[in-house]
Amino acid sequence: MSDRKQTLETLRDELIDRLERYQAHQEQRDGPLDKDMEDQSIEVENDEVVEALHREAETELRQVLHALARLDAGEGDACERCGEAIDPRRLSALPYTTLCRDCAEAH
């Protein structure tokens, strides 16, 4: 197994765990808000932050799964837009990328 694939699988597992924690937090918070207005404001703000983190983790998970599928298909190191090889330094920094730097900047 390649180092990149192992990195992606580890990241996938971490993101799934994170999403489960966010979901558990949301289920725990489904009750009524606190009676104090200041506490309500803090609760709503916290819920909004958790929801934003949840959306971000879902997006990243989709990217990781897409990169894993491309690796399995033998396309993982080639830019999916231009077909050129993706710089290994870019893959090291952003293992789920599927675009070379030029195509990512043009996107």
PDB file of N, CA and C in Angstrom:
ATOM      1  N   MET A   1       0.856  -1.184   0.000  1.00  0.00           N
ATOM      2  CA  MET A   1       0.000   0.000   0.000  1.00  0.00           C
ATOM      3  C   MET A   1       0.893   1.236   0.000  1.00  0.00           C
ATOM      4  N   SER A   2       0.537   2.190  -0.821  1.00  0.00           N
ATOM      5  CA  SER A   2       1.336   3.409  -0.903  1.00  0.00           C
ATOM      6  C   SER A   2       1.158   4.255   0.354  1.00  0.00           C
ATOM      7  N   ASP A   3       2.172   5.080   0.610  1.00  0.00           N
ATOM      8  CA  ASP A   3       2.094   5.981   1.766  1.00  0.00           C
ATOM      9  C   ASP A   3       0.909   6.929   1.628  1.00  0.00           C
ATOM     10  N   ARG A   4       0.676   7.408   0.404  1.00  0.00           N
ATOM     11  CA  ARG A   4      -0.431   8.344   0.184  1.00  0.00           C
ATOM     12  C   ARG A   4      -1.766   7.671   0.473  1.00  0.00           C
ATOM     13  N   LYS A   5      -1.923   6.439   0.011  1.00  0.00           N
ATOM     14  CA  LYS A   5      -3.182   5.741   0.251  1.00  0.00           C
ATOM     15  C   LYS A   5      -3.389   5.528   1.748  1.00  0.00           C
ATOM     16  N   GLN A   6      -2.325   5.152   2.436  1.00  0.00           N
ATOM     17  CA  GLN A   6      -2.423   4.954   3.882  1.00  0.00           C
ATOM     18  C   GLN A   6      -2.783   6.270   4.582  1.00  0.00           C
ATOM     19  N   THR A   7      -2.170   7.363   4.133  1.00  0.00           N
ATOM     20  CA  THR A   7      -2.481   8.683   4.699  1.00  0.00           C
ATOM     21  C   THR A   7      -3.950   9.029   4.470  1.00  0.00           C
ATOM     22  N   LEU A   8      -4.429   8.782   3.256  1.00  0.00           N
ATOM     23  CA  LEU A   8      -5.827   9.073   2.935  1.00  0.00           C
ATOM     24  C   LEU A   8      -6.781   8.207   3.749  1.00  0.00           C
ATOM     25  N   GLU A   9      -6.458   6.942   3.926  1.00  0.00           N
ATOM     26  CA  GLU A   9      -7.334   6.059   4.710  1.00  0.00           C
ATOM     27  C   GLU A   9      -7.363   6.480   6.170  1.00  0.00           C
ATOM     28  N   THR A  10      -6.228   6.902   6.699  1.00  0.00           N
ATOM     29  CA  THR A  10      -6.186   7.401   8.079  1.00  0.00           C
ATOM     30  C   THR A  10      -7.019   8.676   8.202  1.00  0.00           C
ATOM     31  N   LEU A  11      -6.863   9.573   7.241  1.00  0.00           N
ATOM     32  CA  LEU A  11      -7.639  10.821   7.239  1.00  0.00           C
ATOM     33  C   LEU A  11      -9.126  10.516   7.129  1.00  0.00           C
ATOM     34  N   ARG A  12      -9.489   9.565   6.254  1.00  0.00           N
ATOM     35  CA  ARG A  12     -10.895   9.164   6.103  1.00  0.00           C
ATOM     36  C   ARG A  12     -11.461   8.702   7.455  1.00  0.00           C
ATOM     37  N   ASP A  13     -10.725   7.836   8.135  1.00  0.00           N
ATOM     38  CA  ASP A  13     -11.196   7.317   9.418  1.00  0.00           C
ATOM     39  C   ASP A  13     -11.332   8.424  10.464  1.00  0.00           C
ATOM     40  N   GLU A  14     -10.384   9.359  10.478  1.00  0.00           N
ATOM     41  CA  GLU A  14     -10.447  10.482  11.422  1.00  0.00           C
ATOM     42  C   GLU A  14     -11.657  11.367  11.130  1.00  0.00           C
ATOM     43  N   LEU A  15     -11.925  11.607   9.854  1.00  0.00           N
ATOM     44  CA  LEU A  15     -13.070  12.443   9.481  1.00  0.00           C
ATOM     45  C   LEU A  15     -14.390  11.764   9.835  1.00  0.00           C
ATOM     46  N   ILE A  16     -14.482  10.471   9.635  1.00  0.00           N
ATOM     47  CA  ILE A  16     -15.699   9.740  10.002  1.00  0.00           C
ATOM     48  C   ILE A  16     -15.916   9.827  11.509  1.00  0.00           C
ATOM     49  N   ASP A  17     -14.851   9.656  12.288  1.00  0.00           N
ATOM     50  CA  ASP A  17     -14.967   9.791  13.748  1.00  0.00           C
ATOM     51  C   ASP A  17     -15.420  11.192  14.138  1.00  0.00           C
ATOM     52  N   ARG A  18     -14.843  12.203  13.485  1.00  0.00           N
ATOM     53  CA  ARG A  18     -15.201  13.590  13.782  1.00  0.00           C
ATOM     54  C   ARG A  18     -16.674  13.844  13.453  1.00  0.00           C
ATOM     55  N   LEU A  19     -17.122  13.347  12.308  1.00  0.00           N
ATOM     56  CA  LEU A  19     -18.523  13.527  11.919  1.00  0.00           C
ATOM     57  C   LEU A  19     -19.462  12.845  12.911  1.00  0.00           C
ATOM     58  N   GLU A  20     -19.086  11.693  13.406  1.00  0.00           N
ATOM     59  CA  GLU A  20     -19.912  11.003  14.403  1.00  0.00           C
ATOM     60  C   GLU A  20     -19.990  11.813  15.694  1.00  0.00           C
ATOM     61  N   ARG A  21     -18.874  12.442  16.086  1.00  0.00           N
ATOM     62  CA  ARG A  21     -18.894  13.283  17.300  1.00  0.00           C
ATOM     63  C   ARG A  21     -19.782  14.506  17.099  1.00  0.00           C
ATOM     64  N   TYR A  22     -19.695  15.131  15.916  1.00  0.00           N
ATOM     65  CA  TYR A  22     -20.542  16.289  15.632  1.00  0.00           C
ATOM     66  C   TYR A  22     -22.014  15.884  15.653  1.00  0.00           C
ATOM     67  N   GLN A  23     -22.319  14.733  15.086  1.00  0.00           N
ATOM     68  CA  GLN A  23     -23.698  14.242  15.064  1.00  0.00           C
ATOM     69  C   GLN A  23     -24.193  13.983  16.486  1.00  0.00           C
ATOM     70  N   ALA A  24     -23.350  13.379  17.311  1.00  0.00           N
ATOM     71  CA  ALA A  24     -23.726  13.118  18.704  1.00  0.00           C
ATOM     72  C   ALA A  24     -23.970  14.434  19.441  1.00  0.00           C
ATOM     73  N   HIS A  25     -23.141  15.422  19.176  1.00  0.00           N
ATOM     74  CA  HIS A  25     -23.330  16.737  19.804  1.00  0.00           C
ATOM     75  C   HIS A  25     -24.677  17.325  19.388  1.00  0.00           C
ATOM     76  N   GLN A  26     -24.985  17.229  18.099  1.00  0.00           N
ATOM     77  CA  GLN A  26     -26.244  17.785  17.600  1.00  0.00           C
ATOM     78  C   GLN A  26     -27.441  17.073  18.223  1.00  0.00           C
ATOM     79  N   GLU A  27     -27.371  15.763  18.319  1.00  0.00           N
ATOM     80  CA  GLU A  27     -28.474  15.003  18.921  1.00  0.00           C
ATOM     81  C   GLU A  27     -28.645  15.359  20.390  1.00  0.00           C
ATOM     82  N   GLN A  28     -27.547  15.607  21.060  1.00  0.00           N
ATOM     83  CA  GLN A  28     -27.588  15.990  22.477  1.00  0.00           C
ATOM     84  C   GLN A  28     -28.199  17.380  22.640  1.00  0.00           C
ATOM     85  N   ARG A  29     -28.020  18.253  21.659  1.00  0.00           N
ATOM     86  CA  ARG A  29     -28.487  19.629  21.733  1.00  0.00           C
ATOM     87  C   ARG A  29     -29.901  19.817  21.199  1.00  0.00           C
ATOM     88  N   ASP A  30     -30.576  18.783  20.826  1.00  0.00           N
ATOM     89  CA  ASP A  30     -31.903  18.930  20.236  1.00  0.00           C
ATOM     90  C   ASP A  30     -32.972  19.372  21.230  1.00  0.00           C
ATOM     91  N   GLY A  31     -32.607  19.531  22.473  1.00  0.00           N
ATOM     92  CA  GLY A  31     -33.575  19.946  23.482  1.00  0.00           C
ATOM     93  C   GLY A  31     -33.809  21.450  23.439  1.00  0.00           C
ATOM     94  N   PRO A  32     -34.642  21.946  24.346  1.00  0.00           N
ATOM     95  CA  PRO A  32     -34.946  23.383  24.381  1.00  0.00           C
ATOM     96  C   PRO A  32     -33.722  24.204  24.785  1.00  0.00           C
ATOM     97  N   LEU A  33     -33.703  25.449  24.385  1.00  0.00           N
ATOM     98  CA  LEU A  33     -32.624  26.352  24.751  1.00  0.00           C
ATOM     99  C   LEU A  33     -32.736  26.748  26.216  1.00  0.00           C
ATOM    100  N   ASP A  34     -31.638  27.196  26.770  1.00  0.00           N
ATOM    101  CA  ASP A  34     -31.598  27.690  28.134  1.00  0.00           C
ATOM    102  C   ASP A  34     -32.547  28.884  28.258  1.00  0.00           C
ATOM    103  N   LYS A  35     -33.071  29.119  29.441  1.00  0.00           N
ATOM    104  CA  LYS A  35     -34.017  30.228  29.647  1.00  0.00           C
ATOM    105  C   LYS A  35     -33.331  31.593  29.634  1.00  0.00           C
ATOM    106  N   ASP A  36     -32.086  31.653  30.012  1.00  0.00           N
ATOM    107  CA  ASP A  36     -31.340  32.898  30.050  1.00  0.00           C
ATOM    108  C   ASP A  36     -30.962  33.319  28.620  1.00  0.00           C
ATOM    109  N   MET A  37     -31.246  34.563  28.234  1.00  0.00           N
ATOM    110  CA  MET A  37     -31.002  35.047  26.872  1.00  0.00           C
ATOM    111  C   MET A  37     -29.516  34.980  26.492  1.00  0.00           C
ATOM    112  N   GLU A  38     -28.647  35.338  27.433  1.00  0.00           N
ATOM    113  CA  GLU A  38     -27.215  35.298  27.144  1.00  0.00           C
ATOM    114  C   GLU A  38     -26.764  33.860  26.894  1.00  0.00           C
ATOM    115  N   ASP A  39     -27.247  32.930  27.715  1.00  0.00           N
ATOM    116  CA  ASP A  39     -26.906  31.522  27.524  1.00  0.00           C
ATOM    117  C   ASP A  39     -27.479  30.995  26.210  1.00  0.00           C
ATOM    118  N   GLN A  40     -28.679  31.450  25.858  1.00  0.00           N
ATOM    119  CA  GLN A  40     -29.265  31.038  24.575  1.00  0.00           C
ATOM    120  C   GLN A  40     -28.379  31.494  23.416  1.00  0.00           C
ATOM    121  N   SER A  41     -27.911  32.712  23.502  1.00  0.00           N
ATOM    122  CA  SER A  41     -27.066  33.260  22.455  1.00  0.00           C
ATOM    123  C   SER A  41     -25.790  32.430  22.298  1.00  0.00           C
ATOM    124  N   ILE A  42     -25.192  32.062  23.413  1.00  0.00           N
ATOM    125  CA  ILE A  42     -23.968  31.244  23.390  1.00  0.00           C
ATOM    126  C   ILE A  42     -24.271  29.865  22.819  1.00  0.00           C
ATOM    127  N   GLU A  43     -25.397  29.275  23.214  1.00  0.00           N
ATOM    128  CA  GLU A  43     -25.767  27.951  22.705  1.00  0.00           C
ATOM    129  C   GLU A  43     -25.975  27.981  21.196  1.00  0.00           C
ATOM    130  N   VAL A  44     -26.672  28.989  20.709  1.00  0.00           N
ATOM    131  CA  VAL A  44     -26.927  29.106  19.268  1.00  0.00           C
ATOM    132  C   VAL A  44     -25.608  29.307  18.524  1.00  0.00           C
ATOM    133  N   GLU A  45     -24.755  30.168  19.051  1.00  0.00           N
ATOM    134  CA  GLU A  45     -23.461  30.405  18.414  1.00  0.00           C
ATOM    135  C   GLU A  45     -22.630  29.122  18.390  1.00  0.00           C
ATOM    136  N   ASN A  46     -22.609  28.383  19.482  1.00  0.00           N
ATOM    137  CA  ASN A  46     -21.874  27.115  19.530  1.00  0.00           C
ATOM    138  C   ASN A  46     -22.433  26.127  18.512  1.00  0.00           C
ATOM    139  N   ASP A  47     -23.745  26.060  18.415  1.00  0.00           N
ATOM    140  CA  ASP A  47     -24.376  25.149  17.445  1.00  0.00           C
ATOM    141  C   ASP A  47     -23.993  25.532  16.018  1.00  0.00           C
ATOM    142  N   GLU A  48     -23.923  26.828  15.747  1.00  0.00           N
ATOM    143  CA  GLU A  48     -23.554  27.280  14.402  1.00  0.00           C
ATOM    144  C   GLU A  48     -22.107  26.909  14.082  1.00  0.00           C
ATOM    145  N   VAL A  49     -21.225  27.028  15.057  1.00  0.00           N
ATOM    146  CA  VAL A  49     -19.818  26.654  14.860  1.00  0.00           C
ATOM    147  C   VAL A  49     -19.710  25.158  14.600  1.00  0.00           C
ATOM    148  N   VAL A  50     -20.404  24.357  15.397  1.00  0.00           N
ATOM    149  CA  VAL A  50     -20.364  22.907  15.216  1.00  0.00           C
ATOM    150  C   VAL A  50     -20.930  22.540  13.847  1.00  0.00           C
ATOM    151  N   GLU A  51     -21.997  23.186  13.424  1.00  0.00           N
ATOM    152  CA  GLU A  51     -22.583  22.903  12.111  1.00  0.00           C
ATOM    153  C   GLU A  51     -21.606  23.257  10.993  1.00  0.00           C
ATOM    154  N   ALA A  52     -20.896  24.376  11.117  1.00  0.00           N
ATOM    155  CA  ALA A  52     -19.909  24.759  10.105  1.00  0.00           C
ATOM    156  C   ALA A  52     -18.763  23.747  10.058  1.00  0.00           C
ATOM    157  N   LEU A  53     -18.315  23.293  11.218  1.00  0.00           N
ATOM    158  CA  LEU A  53     -17.266  22.276  11.264  1.00  0.00           C
ATOM    159  C   LEU A  53     -17.748  20.963  10.658  1.00  0.00           C
ATOM    160  N   HIS A  54     -19.005  20.630  10.892  1.00  0.00           N
ATOM    161  CA  HIS A  54     -19.604  19.413  10.334  1.00  0.00           C
ATOM    162  C   HIS A  54     -19.612  19.486   8.804  1.00  0.00           C
ATOM    163  N   ARG A  55     -20.059  20.599   8.263  1.00  0.00           N
ATOM    164  CA  ARG A  55     -20.090  20.770   6.798  1.00  0.00           C
ATOM    165  C   ARG A  55     -18.682  20.686   6.207  1.00  0.00           C
ATOM    166  N   GLU A  56     -17.726  21.314   6.880  1.00  0.00           N
ATOM    167  CA  GLU A  56     -16.338  21.297   6.417  1.00  0.00           C
ATOM    168  C   GLU A  56     -15.785  19.869   6.414  1.00  0.00           C
ATOM    169  N   ALA A  57     -16.069  19.108   7.463  1.00  0.00           N
ATOM    170  CA  ALA A  57     -15.599  17.722   7.543  1.00  0.00           C
ATOM    171  C   ALA A  57     -16.261  16.853   6.475  1.00  0.00           C
ATOM    172  N   GLU A  58     -17.536  17.086   6.199  1.00  0.00           N
ATOM    173  CA  GLU A  58     -18.223  16.331   5.135  1.00  0.00           C
ATOM    174  C   GLU A  58     -17.592  16.607   3.780  1.00  0.00           C
ATOM    175  N   THR A  59     -17.280  17.872   3.509  1.00  0.00           N
ATOM    176  CA  THR A  59     -16.653  18.251   2.246  1.00  0.00           C
ATOM    177  C   THR A  59     -15.284  17.594   2.113  1.00  0.00           C
ATOM    178  N   GLU A  60     -14.507  17.649   3.176  1.00  0.00           N
ATOM    179  CA  GLU A  60     -13.179  17.046   3.143  1.00  0.00           C
ATOM    180  C   GLU A  60     -13.273  15.530   2.975  1.00  0.00           C
ATOM    181  N   LEU A  61     -14.253  14.902   3.624  1.00  0.00           N
ATOM    182  CA  LEU A  61     -14.427  13.460   3.489  1.00  0.00           C
ATOM    183  C   LEU A  61     -14.760  13.086   2.045  1.00  0.00           C
ATOM    184  N   ARG A  62     -15.631  13.858   1.403  1.00  0.00           N
ATOM    185  CA  ARG A  62     -15.949  13.601  -0.011  1.00  0.00           C
ATOM    186  C   ARG A  62     -14.687  13.684  -0.876  1.00  0.00           C
ATOM    187  N   GLN A  63     -13.837  14.667  -0.596  1.00  0.00           N
ATOM    188  CA  GLN A  63     -12.596  14.822  -1.353  1.00  0.00           C
ATOM    189  C   GLN A  63     -11.661  13.637  -1.117  1.00  0.00           C
ATOM    190  N   VAL A  64     -11.568  13.188   0.117  1.00  0.00           N
ATOM    191  CA  VAL A  64     -10.715  12.050   0.454  1.00  0.00           C
ATOM    192  C   VAL A  64     -11.218  10.795  -0.245  1.00  0.00           C
ATOM    193  N   LEU A  65     -12.526  10.556  -0.201  1.00  0.00           N
ATOM    194  CA  LEU A  65     -13.095   9.369  -0.849  1.00  0.00           C
ATOM    195  C   LEU A  65     -12.872   9.417  -2.359  1.00  0.00           C
ATOM    196  N   HIS A  66     -13.001  10.598  -2.945  1.00  0.00           N
ATOM    197  CA  HIS A  66     -12.766  10.762  -4.376  1.00  0.00           C
ATOM    198  C   HIS A  66     -11.298  10.462  -4.711  1.00  0.00           C
ATOM    199  N   ALA A  67     -10.371  10.970  -3.901  1.00  0.00           N
ATOM    200  CA  ALA A  67      -8.945  10.728  -4.125  1.00  0.00           C
ATOM    201  C   ALA A  67      -8.620   9.246  -3.978  1.00  0.00           C
ATOM    202  N   LEU A  68      -9.230   8.575  -2.986  1.00  0.00           N
ATOM    203  CA  LEU A  68      -9.018   7.133  -2.814  1.00  0.00           C
ATOM    204  C   LEU A  68      -9.527   6.355  -4.024  1.00  0.00           C
ATOM    205  N   ALA A  69     -10.682   6.733  -4.542  1.00  0.00           N
ATOM    206  CA  ALA A  69     -11.233   6.054  -5.721  1.00  0.00           C
ATOM    207  C   ALA A  69     -10.306   6.247  -6.919  1.00  0.00           C
ATOM    208  N   ARG A  70      -9.750   7.443  -7.066  1.00  0.00           N
ATOM    209  CA  ARG A  70      -8.807   7.696  -8.168  1.00  0.00           C
ATOM    210  C   ARG A  70      -7.536   6.884  -7.999  1.00  0.00           C
ATOM    211  N   LEU A  71      -7.058   6.748  -6.764  1.00  0.00           N
ATOM    212  CA  LEU A  71      -5.885   5.909  -6.524  1.00  0.00           C
ATOM    213  C   LEU A  71      -6.170   4.461  -6.898  1.00  0.00           C
ATOM    214  N   ASP A  72      -7.319   3.966  -6.473  1.00  0.00           N
ATOM    215  CA  ASP A  72      -7.694   2.584  -6.784  1.00  0.00           C
ATOM    216  C   ASP A  72      -7.817   2.354  -8.292  1.00  0.00           C
ATOM    217  N   ALA A  73      -8.197   3.403  -9.029  1.00  0.00           N
ATOM    218  CA  ALA A  73      -8.335   3.300 -10.477  1.00  0.00           C
ATOM    219  C   ALA A  73      -7.001   3.547 -11.195  1.00  0.00           C
ATOM    220  N   GLY A  74      -5.933   3.816 -10.422  1.00  0.00           N
ATOM    221  CA  GLY A  74      -4.629   4.066 -11.022  1.00  0.00           C
ATOM    222  C   GLY A  74      -4.449   5.468 -11.561  1.00  0.00           C
ATOM    223  N   GLU A  75      -5.289   6.396 -11.142  1.00  0.00           N
ATOM    224  CA  GLU A  75      -5.253   7.772 -11.649  1.00  0.00           C
ATOM    225  C   GLU A  75      -4.841   8.777 -10.580  1.00  0.00           C
ATOM    226  N   GLY A  76      -4.415   8.319  -9.429  1.00  0.00           N
ATOM    227  CA  GLY A  76      -4.248   9.173  -8.261  1.00  0.00           C
ATOM    228  C   GLY A  76      -3.210  10.252  -8.322  1.00  0.00           C
ATOM    229  N   ASP A  77      -2.151  10.093  -9.137  1.00  0.00           N
ATOM    230  CA  ASP A  77      -1.095  11.099  -9.182  1.00  0.00           C
ATOM    231  C   ASP A  77      -1.207  12.018 -10.391  1.00  0.00           C
ATOM    232  N   ALA A  78      -2.234  11.832 -11.201  1.00  0.00           N
ATOM    233  CA  ALA A  78      -2.427  12.662 -12.394  1.00  0.00           C
ATOM    234  C   ALA A  78      -3.556  13.660 -12.142  1.00  0.00           C
ATOM    235  N   CYS A  79      -3.357  14.875 -12.600  1.00  0.00           N
ATOM    236  CA  CYS A  79      -4.378  15.912 -12.484  1.00  0.00           C
ATOM    237  C   CYS A  79      -5.617  15.477 -13.253  1.00  0.00           C
ATOM    238  N   GLU A  80      -6.760  15.564 -12.633  1.00  0.00           N
ATOM    239  CA  GLU A  80      -7.974  15.123 -13.311  1.00  0.00           C
ATOM    240  C   GLU A  80      -8.468  16.131 -14.342  1.00  0.00           C
ATOM    241  N   ARG A  81      -7.867  17.293 -14.388  1.00  0.00           N
ATOM    242  CA  ARG A  81      -8.257  18.284 -15.396  1.00  0.00           C
ATOM    243  C   ARG A  81      -7.330  18.235 -16.618  1.00  0.00           C
ATOM    244  N   CYS A  82      -6.009  18.313 -16.407  1.00  0.00           N
ATOM    245  CA  CYS A  82      -5.080  18.378 -17.542  1.00  0.00           C
ATOM    246  C   CYS A  82      -4.326  17.080 -17.785  1.00  0.00           C
ATOM    247  N   GLY A  83      -4.334  16.162 -16.817  1.00  0.00           N
ATOM    248  CA  GLY A  83      -3.673  14.876 -16.982  1.00  0.00           C
ATOM    249  C   GLY A  83      -2.199  14.863 -16.626  1.00  0.00           C
ATOM    250  N   GLU A  84      -1.633  16.023 -16.336  1.00  0.00           N
ATOM    251  CA  GLU A  84      -0.221  16.088 -15.952  1.00  0.00           C
ATOM    252  C   GLU A  84      -0.039  15.533 -14.543  1.00  0.00           C
ATOM    253  N   ALA A  85       1.188  15.126 -14.241  1.00  0.00           N
ATOM    254  CA  ALA A  85       1.498  14.610 -12.907  1.00  0.00           C
ATOM    255  C   ALA A  85       1.352  15.730 -11.876  1.00  0.00           C
ATOM    256  N   ILE A  86       0.771  15.403 -10.739  1.00  0.00           N
ATOM    257  CA  ILE A  86       0.654  16.361  -9.632  1.00  0.00           C
ATOM    258  C   ILE A  86       1.968  16.325  -8.865  1.00  0.00           C
ATOM    259  N   ASP A  87       2.517  17.491  -8.588  1.00  0.00           N
ATOM    260  CA  ASP A  87       3.788  17.604  -7.877  1.00  0.00           C
ATOM    261  C   ASP A  87       3.705  16.831  -6.552  1.00  0.00           C
ATOM    262  N   PRO A  88       4.684  15.956  -6.288  1.00  0.00           N
ATOM    263  CA  PRO A  88       4.670  15.184  -5.033  1.00  0.00           C
ATOM    264  C   PRO A  88       4.627  16.055  -3.780  1.00  0.00           C
ATOM    265  N   ARG A  89       5.210  17.262  -3.848  1.00  0.00           N
ATOM    266  CA  ARG A  89       5.149  18.169  -2.692  1.00  0.00           C
ATOM    267  C   ARG A  89       3.727  18.627  -2.435  1.00  0.00           C
ATOM    268  N   ARG A  90       2.969  18.841  -3.518  1.00  0.00           N
ATOM    269  CA  ARG A  90       1.556  19.229  -3.377  1.00  0.00           C
ATOM    270  C   ARG A  90       0.766  18.070  -2.779  1.00  0.00           C
ATOM    271  N   LEU A  91       1.032  16.856  -3.258  1.00  0.00           N
ATOM    272  CA  LEU A  91       0.335  15.677  -2.735  1.00  0.00           C
ATOM    273  C   LEU A  91       0.677  15.447  -1.267  1.00  0.00           C
ATOM    274  N   SER A  92       1.915  15.748  -0.894  1.00  0.00           N
ATOM    275  CA  SER A  92       2.316  15.589   0.502  1.00  0.00           C
ATOM    276  C   SER A  92       1.581  16.592   1.394  1.00  0.00           C
ATOM    277  N   ALA A  93       1.452  17.821   0.903  1.00  0.00           N
ATOM    278  CA  ALA A  93       0.787  18.871   1.682  1.00  0.00           C
ATOM    279  C   ALA A  93      -0.725  18.714   1.692  1.00  0.00           C
ATOM    280  N   LEU A  94      -1.287  18.230   0.586  1.00  0.00           N
ATOM    281  CA  LEU A  94      -2.737  18.122   0.427  1.00  0.00           C
ATOM    282  C   LEU A  94      -3.037  16.768  -0.225  1.00  0.00           C
ATOM    283  N   PRO A  95      -2.969  15.679   0.552  1.00  0.00           N
ATOM    284  CA  PRO A  95      -3.026  14.330  -0.030  1.00  0.00           C
ATOM    285  C   PRO A  95      -4.304  14.017  -0.797  1.00  0.00           C
ATOM    286  N   TYR A  96      -5.390  14.751  -0.562  1.00  0.00           N
ATOM    287  CA  TYR A  96      -6.636  14.448  -1.265  1.00  0.00           C
ATOM    288  C   TYR A  96      -6.840  15.314  -2.505  1.00  0.00           C
ATOM    289  N   THR A  97      -5.821  16.078  -2.880  1.00  0.00           N
ATOM    290  CA  THR A  97      -5.968  16.891  -4.074  1.00  0.00           C
ATOM    291  C   THR A  97      -6.036  16.016  -5.322  1.00  0.00           C
ATOM    292  N   THR A  98      -6.791  16.463  -6.294  1.00  0.00           N
ATOM    293  CA  THR A  98      -6.884  15.755  -7.570  1.00  0.00           C
ATOM    294  C   THR A  98      -6.536  16.694  -8.725  1.00  0.00           C
ATOM    295  N   LEU A  99      -6.054  17.885  -8.364  1.00  0.00           N
ATOM    296  CA  LEU A  99      -5.684  18.885  -9.370  1.00  0.00           C
ATOM    297  C   LEU A  99      -4.243  19.329  -9.144  1.00  0.00           C
ATOM    298  N   CYS A 100      -3.520  19.553 -10.257  1.00  0.00           N
ATOM    299  CA  CYS A 100      -2.194  20.143 -10.142  1.00  0.00           C
ATOM    300  C   CYS A 100      -2.363  21.601  -9.695  1.00  0.00           C
ATOM    301  N   ARG A 101      -1.275  22.221  -9.320  1.00  0.00           N
ATOM    302  CA  ARG A 101      -1.363  23.585  -8.811  1.00  0.00           C
ATOM    303  C   ARG A 101      -1.926  24.547  -9.846  1.00  0.00           C
ATOM    304  N   ASP A 102      -1.477  24.426 -11.086  1.00  0.00           N
ATOM    305  CA  ASP A 102      -1.952  25.335 -12.133  1.00  0.00           C
ATOM    306  C   ASP A 102      -3.460  25.220 -12.330  1.00  0.00           C
ATOM    307  N   CYS A 103      -3.960  23.993 -12.400  1.00  0.00           N
ATOM    308  CA  CYS A 103      -5.407  23.800 -12.606  1.00  0.00           C
ATOM    309  C   CYS A 103      -6.200  24.247 -11.377  1.00  0.00           C
ATOM    310  N   ALA A 104      -5.656  24.019 -10.190  1.00  0.00           N
ATOM    311  CA  ALA A 104      -6.346  24.438  -8.962  1.00  0.00           C
ATOM    312  C   ALA A 104      -6.437  25.960  -8.897  1.00  0.00           C
ATOM    313  N   GLU A 105      -5.373  26.650  -9.318  1.00  0.00           N
ATOM    314  CA  GLU A 105      -5.387  28.112  -9.292  1.00  0.00           C
ATOM    315  C   GLU A 105      -6.329  28.673 -10.350  1.00  0.00           C
ATOM    316  N   ALA A 106      -6.461  27.959 -11.477  1.00  0.00           N
ATOM    317  CA  ALA A 106      -7.354  28.402 -12.546  1.00  0.00           C
ATOM    318  C   ALA A 106      -8.811  28.128 -12.216  1.00  0.00           C
ATOM    319  N   HIS A 107      -9.040  27.227 -11.282  1.00  0.00           N
ATOM    320  CA  HIS A 107     -10.406  26.804 -10.933  1.00  0.00           C
ATOM    321  C   HIS A 107     -11.054  27.850 -10.128  1.00  0.00           C
TER     322      HIS A 107
END
